[in-house]
Amino acid sequence: MSTSSILAWFEKRRKTKTLETAKNQITKSIETIKDLNTAMVAFSEGRKEDVAKSLNGLFSKEVEIDELRRSVNEELSKGSLPVKYREDLMLLVRRLDMMADRVKDSARSLKVLMGQKIPKEITVALVNSTGHLLECSAALGECLEALGTDPSKVNDCSRKVEEAETRLDEEYLEIKSLFLKYDKEVGCAIILELKDLAESLEEAADLCEDTSDYIRTLAAGEE
């Protein structure tokens, strides 16, 4: 998604280094989900080198996100924005940072599982889950774009986030049933790691939805 209009809503008040840094953090947080989805597809197809390449890209972005978060917090502490908008921006960035953390947790679990024999039915379900999470993040990006260009459209974009999150929730329940089905075949240790992976994906989607709800609140104040 374009970075030119992200947080234009905030930029109307005052353009600062803080906003530029926050835009980069937000963009990279959403991009990590693309890397995770690519890695999961490669994992399901047994392409270990491609899995490693995508995960390395994700972890590299996570390092940048951490650095950007520290920069944002430092700039916000200086009070270069009015208090109200500083708090709005801080809360928005914090939500996206939490989402990126859950994505990182998912990636770590996937890395641990590399080389393990996982039933195809489970890997397909995990690919579907990351696909739904990718839909969530794409719709969240649309929410951010709409906040900066047309706040009246934020509700529609937020609804897309909710729909994708609901699909992931349904897939999550299916995955849990598969854990019971393949428990003896796969073994307890692998099932526990798969459980952590699935839960992190579900939590990331929840944070996507929570962030879109917050953006909708911000947009409502502009209408």
C-alpha atoms as a PDB file:
ATOM      1  CA  MET A   1       0.000   0.000   0.000  1.00  0.00           C
ATOM      2  CA  SER A   2       1.100   3.584  -0.612  1.00  0.00           C
ATOM      3  CA  THR A   3       2.740   5.427   2.242  1.00  0.00           C
ATOM      4  CA  SER A   4       1.871   8.820   0.776  1.00  0.00           C
ATOM      5  CA  SER A   5      -1.587   9.021   2.303  1.00  0.00           C
ATOM      6  CA  ILE A   6      -1.180   6.900   5.444  1.00  0.00           C
ATOM      7  CA  LEU A   7      -1.896   9.089   8.422  1.00  0.00           C
ATOM      8  CA  ALA A   8      -2.680  12.091   6.228  1.00  0.00           C
ATOM      9  CA  TRP A   9      -5.392  12.573   8.829  1.00  0.00           C
ATOM     10  CA  PHE A  10      -2.654  13.345  11.331  1.00  0.00           C
ATOM     11  CA  GLU A  11      -0.518  15.232   8.848  1.00  0.00           C
ATOM     12  CA  LYS A  12      -3.276  17.823   8.399  1.00  0.00           C
ATOM     13  CA  ARG A  13      -2.477  18.932  11.939  1.00  0.00           C
ATOM     14  CA  ARG A  14       1.275  19.061  11.806  1.00  0.00           C
ATOM     15  CA  LYS A  15       3.928  17.365   9.716  1.00  0.00           C
ATOM     16  CA  THR A  16       6.789  16.127  11.878  1.00  0.00           C
ATOM     17  CA  LYS A  17       9.548  13.561  11.944  1.00  0.00           C
ATOM     18  CA  THR A  18       7.346  11.583  14.320  1.00  0.00           C
ATOM     19  CA  LEU A  19       4.681  11.081  11.673  1.00  0.00           C
ATOM     20  CA  GLU A  20       7.179  10.025   9.037  1.00  0.00           C
ATOM     21  CA  THR A  21       8.680   7.463  11.398  1.00  0.00           C
ATOM     22  CA  ALA A  22       5.246   6.188  12.423  1.00  0.00           C
ATOM     23  CA  LYS A  23       4.234   5.730   8.785  1.00  0.00           C
ATOM     24  CA  ASN A  24       7.266   3.525   8.199  1.00  0.00           C
ATOM     25  CA  GLN A  25       6.510   1.455  11.269  1.00  0.00           C
ATOM     26  CA  ILE A  26       2.888   0.932  10.256  1.00  0.00           C
ATOM     27  CA  THR A  27       3.785  -0.041   6.700  1.00  0.00           C
ATOM     28  CA  LYS A  28       6.423  -2.552   7.787  1.00  0.00           C
ATOM     29  CA  SER A  29       4.109  -4.056  10.404  1.00  0.00           C
ATOM     30  CA  ILE A  30       1.612  -4.917   7.706  1.00  0.00           C
ATOM     31  CA  GLU A  31       4.317  -6.127   5.314  1.00  0.00           C
ATOM     32  CA  THR A  32       5.445  -8.783   7.812  1.00  0.00           C
ATOM     33  CA  ILE A  33       2.132 -10.566   7.243  1.00  0.00           C
ATOM     34  CA  LYS A  34       2.885 -10.833   3.536  1.00  0.00           C
ATOM     35  CA  ASP A  35       6.207 -12.476   4.385  1.00  0.00           C
ATOM     36  CA  LEU A  36       4.506 -14.876   6.788  1.00  0.00           C
ATOM     37  CA  ASN A  37       1.915 -15.904   4.212  1.00  0.00           C
ATOM     38  CA  THR A  38       4.622 -16.517   1.613  1.00  0.00           C
ATOM     39  CA  ALA A  39       6.595 -18.592   4.103  1.00  0.00           C
ATOM     40  CA  MET A  40       3.549 -20.656   5.067  1.00  0.00           C
ATOM     41  CA  VAL A  41       2.717 -21.482   1.458  1.00  0.00           C
ATOM     42  CA  ALA A  42       6.323 -22.542   0.865  1.00  0.00           C
ATOM     43  CA  PHE A  43       6.234 -24.616   4.061  1.00  0.00           C
ATOM     44  CA  SER A  44       3.133 -26.496   2.913  1.00  0.00           C
ATOM     45  CA  GLU A  45       4.851 -27.271  -0.398  1.00  0.00           C
ATOM     46  CA  GLY A  46       8.093 -28.427   1.201  1.00  0.00           C
ATOM     47  CA  ARG A  47      10.225 -25.582  -0.177  1.00  0.00           C
ATOM     48  CA  LYS A  48      12.563 -25.136   2.791  1.00  0.00           C
ATOM     49  CA  GLU A  49      14.863 -22.581   1.167  1.00  0.00           C
ATOM     50  CA  ASP A  50      11.919 -20.359   0.254  1.00  0.00           C
ATOM     51  CA  VAL A  51      10.549 -20.673   3.796  1.00  0.00           C
ATOM     52  CA  ALA A  52      13.890 -19.570   5.218  1.00  0.00           C
ATOM     53  CA  LYS A  53      14.158 -16.675   2.764  1.00  0.00           C
ATOM     54  CA  SER A  54      10.692 -15.334   3.640  1.00  0.00           C
ATOM     55  CA  LEU A  55      11.245 -15.749   7.373  1.00  0.00           C
ATOM     56  CA  ASN A  56      14.594 -13.967   7.171  1.00  0.00           C
ATOM     57  CA  GLY A  57      12.848 -11.073   5.424  1.00  0.00           C
ATOM     58  CA  LEU A  58      10.192 -11.026   8.131  1.00  0.00           C
ATOM     59  CA  PHE A  59      12.694 -11.057  10.997  1.00  0.00           C
ATOM     60  CA  SER A  60      14.688  -8.306   9.292  1.00  0.00           C
ATOM     61  CA  LYS A  61      11.568  -6.132   9.132  1.00  0.00           C
ATOM     62  CA  GLU A  62      10.870  -6.891  12.792  1.00  0.00           C
ATOM     63  CA  VAL A  63      14.264  -5.460  13.755  1.00  0.00           C
ATOM     64  CA  GLU A  64      13.425  -2.318  11.783  1.00  0.00           C
ATOM     65  CA  ILE A  65       9.991  -2.149  13.416  1.00  0.00           C
ATOM     66  CA  ASP A  66      11.549  -2.307  16.881  1.00  0.00           C
ATOM     67  CA  GLU A  67      13.954   0.505  15.978  1.00  0.00           C
ATOM     68  CA  LEU A  68      11.145   2.593  14.530  1.00  0.00           C
ATOM     69  CA  ARG A  69       8.997   2.012  17.609  1.00  0.00           C
ATOM     70  CA  ARG A  70      11.764   3.302  19.851  1.00  0.00           C
ATOM     71  CA  SER A  71      12.171   6.338  17.604  1.00  0.00           C
ATOM     72  CA  VAL A  72       8.428   7.037  17.641  1.00  0.00           C
ATOM     73  CA  ASN A  73       8.243   6.755  21.420  1.00  0.00           C
ATOM     74  CA  GLU A  74      11.230   9.047  21.807  1.00  0.00           C
ATOM     75  CA  GLU A  75       9.760  11.660  19.480  1.00  0.00           C
ATOM     76  CA  LEU A  76       6.330  11.457  21.096  1.00  0.00           C
ATOM     77  CA  SER A  77       7.883  11.997  24.510  1.00  0.00           C
ATOM     78  CA  LYS A  78       9.199  15.347  23.264  1.00  0.00           C
ATOM     79  CA  GLY A  79       5.659  16.588  22.770  1.00  0.00           C
ATOM     80  CA  SER A  80       6.085  17.825  19.185  1.00  0.00           C
ATOM     81  CA  LEU A  81       2.373  17.153  18.534  1.00  0.00           C
ATOM     82  CA  PRO A  82      -0.665  18.468  20.420  1.00  0.00           C
ATOM     83  CA  VAL A  83      -1.523  16.159  23.333  1.00  0.00           C
ATOM     84  CA  LYS A  84      -4.759  14.790  21.816  1.00  0.00           C
ATOM     85  CA  TYR A  85      -3.185  13.773  18.506  1.00  0.00           C
ATOM     86  CA  ARG A  86      -0.034  12.512  20.200  1.00  0.00           C
ATOM     87  CA  GLU A  87      -2.156  10.101  22.229  1.00  0.00           C
ATOM     88  CA  ASP A  88      -4.139   9.028  19.149  1.00  0.00           C
ATOM     89  CA  LEU A  89      -0.977   8.290  17.223  1.00  0.00           C
ATOM     90  CA  MET A  90       0.647   6.496  20.151  1.00  0.00           C
ATOM     91  CA  LEU A  91      -2.331   4.182  20.591  1.00  0.00           C
ATOM     92  CA  LEU A  92      -2.540   3.433  16.869  1.00  0.00           C
ATOM     93  CA  VAL A  93       1.161   2.616  16.595  1.00  0.00           C
ATOM     94  CA  ARG A  94       1.024   0.498  19.749  1.00  0.00           C
ATOM     95  CA  ARG A  95      -1.789  -1.658  18.345  1.00  0.00           C
ATOM     96  CA  LEU A  96       0.096  -2.268  15.116  1.00  0.00           C
ATOM     97  CA  ASP A  97       3.258  -3.072  17.035  1.00  0.00           C
ATOM     98  CA  MET A  98       1.394  -5.702  19.053  1.00  0.00           C
ATOM     99  CA  MET A  99       0.049  -7.188  15.830  1.00  0.00           C
ATOM    100  CA  ALA A 100       3.579  -7.413  14.421  1.00  0.00           C
ATOM    101  CA  ASP A 101       4.703  -9.180  17.618  1.00  0.00           C
ATOM    102  CA  ARG A 102       2.067 -11.886  17.127  1.00  0.00           C
ATOM    103  CA  VAL A 103       3.190 -12.300  13.518  1.00  0.00           C
ATOM    104  CA  LYS A 104       6.769 -12.700  14.753  1.00  0.00           C
ATOM    105  CA  ASP A 105       5.616 -15.342  17.241  1.00  0.00           C
ATOM    106  CA  SER A 106       3.945 -17.233  14.385  1.00  0.00           C
ATOM    107  CA  ALA A 107       7.129 -17.025  12.335  1.00  0.00           C
ATOM    108  CA  ARG A 108       9.207 -18.385  15.201  1.00  0.00           C
ATOM    109  CA  SER A 109       6.913 -21.376  15.546  1.00  0.00           C
ATOM    110  CA  LEU A 110       7.081 -21.990  11.811  1.00  0.00           C
ATOM    111  CA  LYS A 111      10.879 -21.885  11.950  1.00  0.00           C
ATOM    112  CA  VAL A 112      10.908 -24.471  14.747  1.00  0.00           C
ATOM    113  CA  LEU A 113       8.621 -26.736  12.707  1.00  0.00           C
ATOM    114  CA  MET A 114      10.808 -26.694   9.597  1.00  0.00           C
ATOM    115  CA  GLY A 115      11.902 -30.223   8.731  1.00  0.00           C
ATOM    116  CA  GLN A 116       9.065 -31.835  10.687  1.00  0.00           C
ATOM    117  CA  LYS A 117       6.513 -34.029   8.966  1.00  0.00           C
ATOM    118  CA  ILE A 118       3.140 -32.314   9.290  1.00  0.00           C
ATOM    119  CA  PRO A 119      -0.086 -33.804   7.890  1.00  0.00           C
ATOM    120  CA  LYS A 120      -1.143 -32.061   4.687  1.00  0.00           C
ATOM    121  CA  GLU A 121      -4.592 -31.349   6.089  1.00  0.00           C
ATOM    122  CA  ILE A 122      -3.047 -29.254   8.864  1.00  0.00           C
ATOM    123  CA  THR A 123      -0.644 -27.351   6.608  1.00  0.00           C
ATOM    124  CA  VAL A 124      -3.471 -26.529   4.201  1.00  0.00           C
ATOM    125  CA  ALA A 125      -5.549 -25.184   7.106  1.00  0.00           C
ATOM    126  CA  LEU A 126      -2.593 -23.065   8.276  1.00  0.00           C
ATOM    127  CA  VAL A 127      -2.127 -21.687   4.763  1.00  0.00           C
ATOM    128  CA  ASN A 128      -5.816 -20.754   4.762  1.00  0.00           C
ATOM    129  CA  SER A 129      -5.367 -19.024   8.124  1.00  0.00           C
ATOM    130  CA  THR A 130      -2.427 -16.929   6.977  1.00  0.00           C
ATOM    131  CA  GLY A 131      -4.381 -16.112   3.836  1.00  0.00           C
ATOM    132  CA  HIS A 132      -7.242 -14.788   5.956  1.00  0.00           C
ATOM    133  CA  LEU A 133      -4.756 -12.839   8.078  1.00  0.00           C
ATOM    134  CA  LEU A 134      -3.356 -11.335   4.894  1.00  0.00           C
ATOM    135  CA  GLU A 135      -6.892 -10.294   3.934  1.00  0.00           C
ATOM    136  CA  CYS A 136      -7.246  -8.722   7.378  1.00  0.00           C
ATOM    137  CA  SER A 137      -4.060  -6.721   6.974  1.00  0.00           C
ATOM    138  CA  ALA A 138      -4.935  -5.607   3.436  1.00  0.00           C
ATOM    139  CA  ALA A 139      -8.316  -4.359   4.637  1.00  0.00           C
ATOM    140  CA  LEU A 140      -6.617  -2.670   7.597  1.00  0.00           C
ATOM    141  CA  GLY A 141      -4.357  -0.890   5.133  1.00  0.00           C
ATOM    142  CA  GLU A 142      -7.479   0.296   3.324  1.00  0.00           C
ATOM    143  CA  CYS A 143      -8.802   1.619   6.640  1.00  0.00           C
ATOM    144  CA  LEU A 144      -5.646   3.657   7.104  1.00  0.00           C
ATOM    145  CA  GLU A 145      -5.825   4.960   3.547  1.00  0.00           C
ATOM    146  CA  ALA A 146      -9.478   5.905   3.998  1.00  0.00           C
ATOM    147  CA  LEU A 147      -8.724   7.718   7.254  1.00  0.00           C
ATOM    148  CA  GLY A 148      -6.260   9.858   5.371  1.00  0.00           C
ATOM    149  CA  THR A 149      -8.387  10.477   2.274  1.00  0.00           C
ATOM    150  CA  ASP A 150     -12.063   9.685   2.898  1.00  0.00           C
ATOM    151  CA  PRO A 151     -13.047   9.024   6.539  1.00  0.00           C
ATOM    152  CA  SER A 152     -16.606   8.204   5.461  1.00  0.00           C
ATOM    153  CA  LYS A 153     -15.329   4.953   3.866  1.00  0.00           C
ATOM    154  CA  VAL A 154     -13.618   3.702   7.005  1.00  0.00           C
ATOM    155  CA  ASN A 155     -16.704   1.770   8.145  1.00  0.00           C
ATOM    156  CA  ASP A 156     -16.775  -0.228   4.908  1.00  0.00           C
ATOM    157  CA  CYS A 157     -13.070  -1.034   5.171  1.00  0.00           C
ATOM    158  CA  SER A 158     -13.427  -1.973   8.828  1.00  0.00           C
ATOM    159  CA  ARG A 159     -16.229  -4.365   7.912  1.00  0.00           C
ATOM    160  CA  LYS A 160     -13.844  -6.157   5.540  1.00  0.00           C
ATOM    161  CA  VAL A 161     -11.420  -6.607   8.426  1.00  0.00           C
ATOM    162  CA  GLU A 162     -14.160  -8.103  10.584  1.00  0.00           C
ATOM    163  CA  GLU A 163     -15.251 -10.506   7.851  1.00  0.00           C
ATOM    164  CA  ALA A 164     -11.699 -11.760   7.280  1.00  0.00           C
ATOM    165  CA  GLU A 165     -11.149 -12.093  11.040  1.00  0.00           C
ATOM    166  CA  THR A 166     -14.342 -14.167  11.305  1.00  0.00           C
ATOM    167  CA  ARG A 167     -13.128 -16.501   8.559  1.00  0.00           C
ATOM    168  CA  LEU A 168      -9.842 -16.952  10.396  1.00  0.00           C
ATOM    169  CA  ASP A 169     -11.690 -17.708  13.635  1.00  0.00           C
ATOM    170  CA  GLU A 170     -13.632 -20.444  11.857  1.00  0.00           C
ATOM    171  CA  GLU A 171     -10.426 -21.860  10.405  1.00  0.00           C
ATOM    172  CA  TYR A 172      -8.838 -21.760  13.861  1.00  0.00           C
ATOM    173  CA  LEU A 173     -11.588 -24.003  15.249  1.00  0.00           C
ATOM    174  CA  GLU A 174     -11.060 -26.390  12.349  1.00  0.00           C
ATOM    175  CA  ILE A 175      -7.330 -26.519  13.079  1.00  0.00           C
ATOM    176  CA  LYS A 176      -7.991 -27.341  16.732  1.00  0.00           C
ATOM    177  CA  SER A 177     -10.138 -30.286  15.671  1.00  0.00           C
ATOM    178  CA  LEU A 178      -7.313 -31.463  13.397  1.00  0.00           C
ATOM    179  CA  PHE A 179      -4.943 -31.469  16.357  1.00  0.00           C
ATOM    180  CA  LEU A 180      -7.180 -34.050  18.015  1.00  0.00           C
ATOM    181  CA  LYS A 181      -7.427 -36.054  14.801  1.00  0.00           C
ATOM    182  CA  TYR A 182      -3.661 -36.260  14.283  1.00  0.00           C
ATOM    183  CA  ASP A 183      -2.489 -36.224  17.904  1.00  0.00           C
ATOM    184  CA  LYS A 184      -1.117 -39.784  17.948  1.00  0.00           C
ATOM    185  CA  GLU A 185       0.403 -39.525  14.481  1.00  0.00           C
ATOM    186  CA  VAL A 186       2.196 -36.214  15.020  1.00  0.00           C
ATOM    187  CA  GLY A 187       3.146 -36.336  18.677  1.00  0.00           C
ATOM    188  CA  CYS A 188       2.626 -34.008  21.624  1.00  0.00           C
ATOM    189  CA  ALA A 189       5.651 -31.728  21.125  1.00  0.00           C
ATOM    190  CA  ILE A 190       4.807 -30.889  17.513  1.00  0.00           C
ATOM    191  CA  ILE A 191       1.118 -30.456  18.314  1.00  0.00           C
ATOM    192  CA  LEU A 192       2.028 -27.930  21.025  1.00  0.00           C
ATOM    193  CA  GLU A 193       4.171 -25.939  18.582  1.00  0.00           C
ATOM    194  CA  LEU A 194       1.422 -26.043  15.968  1.00  0.00           C
ATOM    195  CA  LYS A 195      -1.015 -24.868  18.634  1.00  0.00           C
ATOM    196  CA  ASP A 196       1.232 -21.889  19.429  1.00  0.00           C
ATOM    197  CA  LEU A 197       1.412 -21.065  15.734  1.00  0.00           C
ATOM    198  CA  ALA A 198      -2.342 -21.207  15.238  1.00  0.00           C
ATOM    199  CA  GLU A 199      -3.003 -19.146  18.363  1.00  0.00           C
ATOM    200  CA  SER A 200      -0.551 -16.440  17.306  1.00  0.00           C
ATOM    201  CA  LEU A 201      -2.281 -16.166  13.928  1.00  0.00           C
ATOM    202  CA  GLU A 202      -5.649 -15.861  15.624  1.00  0.00           C
ATOM    203  CA  GLU A 203      -4.360 -13.212  18.038  1.00  0.00           C
ATOM    204  CA  ALA A 204      -2.820 -11.222  15.171  1.00  0.00           C
ATOM    205  CA  ALA A 205      -6.197 -11.191  13.432  1.00  0.00           C
ATOM    206  CA  ASP A 206      -7.891 -10.053  16.646  1.00  0.00           C
ATOM    207  CA  LEU A 207      -5.439  -7.147  16.837  1.00  0.00           C
ATOM    208  CA  CYS A 208      -6.143  -6.286  13.213  1.00  0.00           C
ATOM    209  CA  GLU A 209      -9.808  -6.032  14.061  1.00  0.00           C
ATOM    210  CA  ASP A 210      -9.119  -4.059  17.237  1.00  0.00           C
ATOM    211  CA  THR A 211      -6.994  -1.591  15.265  1.00  0.00           C
ATOM    212  CA  SER A 212      -9.660  -1.150  12.599  1.00  0.00           C
ATOM    213  CA  ASP A 213     -12.213  -0.455  15.346  1.00  0.00           C
ATOM    214  CA  TYR A 214      -9.916   2.231  16.735  1.00  0.00           C
ATOM    215  CA  ILE A 215      -9.466   3.785  13.293  1.00  0.00           C
ATOM    216  CA  ARG A 216     -13.247   3.826  12.928  1.00  0.00           C
ATOM    217  CA  THR A 217     -13.462   5.750  16.213  1.00  0.00           C
ATOM    218  CA  LEU A 218     -10.934   8.284  14.931  1.00  0.00           C
ATOM    219  CA  ALA A 219     -12.836   8.652  11.663  1.00  0.00           C
ATOM    220  CA  ALA A 220     -16.131   9.176  13.483  1.00  0.00           C
ATOM    221  CA  GLY A 221     -14.616  12.206  15.176  1.00  0.00           C
ATOM    222  CA  GLU A 222     -13.940  13.746  11.768  1.00  0.00           C
ATOM    223  CA  GLU A 223     -17.443  13.448  10.353  1.00  0.00           C
END
